[in-house]
Protein backbone atom coordinates (compact mmCIF):
# COMPACT_ATOMS: atom_id res chain seq x y z
CA MET A 1 12.53 -88.11 121.57
CA ASN A 2 11.81 -84.60 122.41
CA GLU A 3 11.42 -82.47 118.95
CA ARG A 4 11.73 -83.38 114.97
CA LYS A 5 12.15 -80.80 112.50
CA LYS A 6 12.17 -81.28 108.64
CA GLN A 7 13.35 -79.03 105.64
CA THR A 8 13.58 -79.97 101.73
CA PHE A 9 16.12 -79.05 99.92
CA THR A 10 16.12 -78.77 95.94
CA ILE A 11 19.70 -78.99 94.40
CA ASP A 12 20.11 -76.39 92.25
CA LYS A 13 21.86 -77.79 88.84
CA TYR A 14 24.79 -75.26 89.44
CA LEU A 15 25.52 -76.43 92.68
CA PRO A 16 28.42 -79.44 91.73
CA ILE A 17 30.20 -76.42 89.71
CA TYR A 18 29.99 -74.17 92.10
CA TYR A 19 31.08 -76.47 95.02
CA ALA A 20 34.33 -77.53 92.90
CA GLY A 21 34.98 -73.82 92.52
CA ALA A 22 35.10 -73.55 96.18
CA SER A 23 36.24 -77.09 97.13
CA GLY A 24 38.96 -77.70 94.49
CA ASP A 25 36.97 -80.91 93.81
CA PHE A 26 36.69 -80.70 89.82
CA ASN A 27 36.21 -84.44 89.58
CA LEU A 28 34.69 -84.70 85.76
CA ILE A 29 31.56 -86.83 87.53
CA HIS A 30 30.57 -83.52 89.44
CA ILE A 31 30.82 -81.24 86.71
CA ASP A 32 30.39 -83.27 83.41
CA PRO A 33 27.02 -84.98 82.98
CA GLU A 34 28.07 -86.87 79.50
CA PHE A 35 31.85 -87.97 81.43
CA ALA A 36 29.37 -89.08 84.22
CA ARG A 37 27.12 -90.98 82.05
CA LYS A 38 30.09 -92.34 80.49
CA GLN A 39 31.36 -93.92 84.15
CA GLY A 40 27.70 -95.35 84.47
CA LEU A 41 25.89 -93.06 86.61
CA LYS A 42 22.65 -91.56 85.59
CA ALA A 43 24.22 -87.91 85.56
CA ASN A 44 27.01 -85.88 87.78
CA ILE A 45 26.40 -86.45 91.00
CA LEU A 46 26.64 -83.68 93.60
CA GLN A 47 30.00 -84.03 96.18
CA GLY A 48 29.47 -85.99 98.93
CA LEU A 49 30.71 -83.27 101.14
CA CYS A 50 28.38 -80.71 99.50
CA THR A 51 25.62 -83.09 100.84
CA LEU A 52 27.62 -83.00 104.09
CA GLY A 53 27.84 -79.29 104.35
CA ILE A 54 24.03 -78.76 103.34
CA ALA A 55 23.07 -81.18 106.24
CA THR A 56 25.12 -79.91 108.71
CA GLY A 57 23.90 -76.19 108.08
CA PHE A 58 20.42 -77.60 108.41
CA LEU A 59 21.79 -79.14 111.91
CA VAL A 60 23.36 -76.04 113.02
CA GLY A 61 21.06 -73.38 111.45
CA GLN A 62 21.55 -70.21 112.74
CA ASP A 63 23.50 -71.52 116.12
CA ASP A 64 27.39 -70.94 116.33
CA PRO A 65 29.08 -73.37 114.30
CA ASP A 66 31.03 -74.37 117.38
CA LYS A 67 28.43 -76.37 118.74
CA LEU A 68 29.13 -79.10 116.51
CA LYS A 69 31.77 -81.23 118.36
CA SER A 70 30.93 -84.63 115.88
CA ILE A 71 29.02 -86.00 113.23
CA LYS A 72 28.67 -89.21 111.52
CA VAL A 73 27.19 -90.15 108.28
CA ARG A 74 27.38 -92.96 105.77
CA PHE A 75 27.13 -92.01 102.03
CA ALA A 76 24.40 -94.15 100.84
CA ASN A 77 23.49 -92.73 97.40
CA PRO A 78 24.51 -90.03 94.66
CA VAL A 79 22.84 -86.92 94.58
CA LEU A 80 21.71 -85.44 91.41
CA PRO A 81 21.29 -81.88 90.08
CA GLY A 82 17.37 -81.48 90.48
CA ASP A 83 16.93 -83.86 93.30
CA LYS A 84 14.70 -82.71 96.40
CA LEU A 85 16.59 -83.60 99.78
CA THR A 86 14.75 -83.90 102.78
CA PHE A 87 16.67 -83.60 105.71
CA ALA A 88 14.89 -84.46 109.04
CA ILE A 89 16.68 -84.11 112.79
CA GLU A 90 15.43 -85.70 115.86
CA ASN A 91 16.85 -84.54 119.26
CA THR A 92 17.72 -86.99 121.56
CA ASP A 93 19.23 -86.58 125.14
CA ALA A 94 23.03 -87.35 123.97
CA GLU A 95 23.05 -86.50 120.37
CA GLU A 96 21.14 -85.25 117.45
CA GLU A 97 19.61 -87.99 114.87
CA PHE A 98 18.85 -86.86 111.32
CA SER A 99 18.41 -88.52 108.01
CA ALA A 100 18.49 -87.52 104.38
CA VAL A 101 16.45 -88.59 101.49
CA ASN A 102 15.49 -87.85 98.03
CA GLN A 103 12.49 -87.42 96.49
CA ARG A 104 12.00 -91.18 96.04
CA GLY A 105 12.28 -91.99 99.25
CA ASP A 106 15.98 -93.21 99.02
CA GLU A 107 18.31 -92.27 101.52
CA VAL A 108 21.44 -90.38 100.61
CA LEU A 109 22.80 -90.18 103.80
CA SER A 110 22.19 -92.89 106.61
CA ASP A 111 23.50 -94.16 109.65
CA CYS A 112 23.46 -90.18 110.63
CA SER A 113 24.39 -88.75 113.93
CA ALA A 114 25.52 -85.49 115.47
CA GLU A 115 26.79 -84.05 119.04
CA LEU A 116 26.05 -80.65 119.47
CA SER A 117 26.80 -78.41 122.59
């Protein structure tokens, strides 16, 4: 491994609502805490693609987004408003291996890798 970097992001309680407006994903499990609890969740949850977007932004950073050739993740656990997600990247020769865990150490994204040019 050549280099390792980490960054922690706090998920703002309004992010699921902002992302719903941007993406058109108004599923109530994302924007209505009471509805989400009735579905067996602890609270409303962040859209998985928003979590992936945060991870992708961390991977690419200030570089040209065209450098991202491919990305692979498994959505492992829900992300709740208020969660603190820590993303860690390991540079290897061929790809970037990365992880995303919450403040409890639970993986929210697993089996993660990306190819950057």
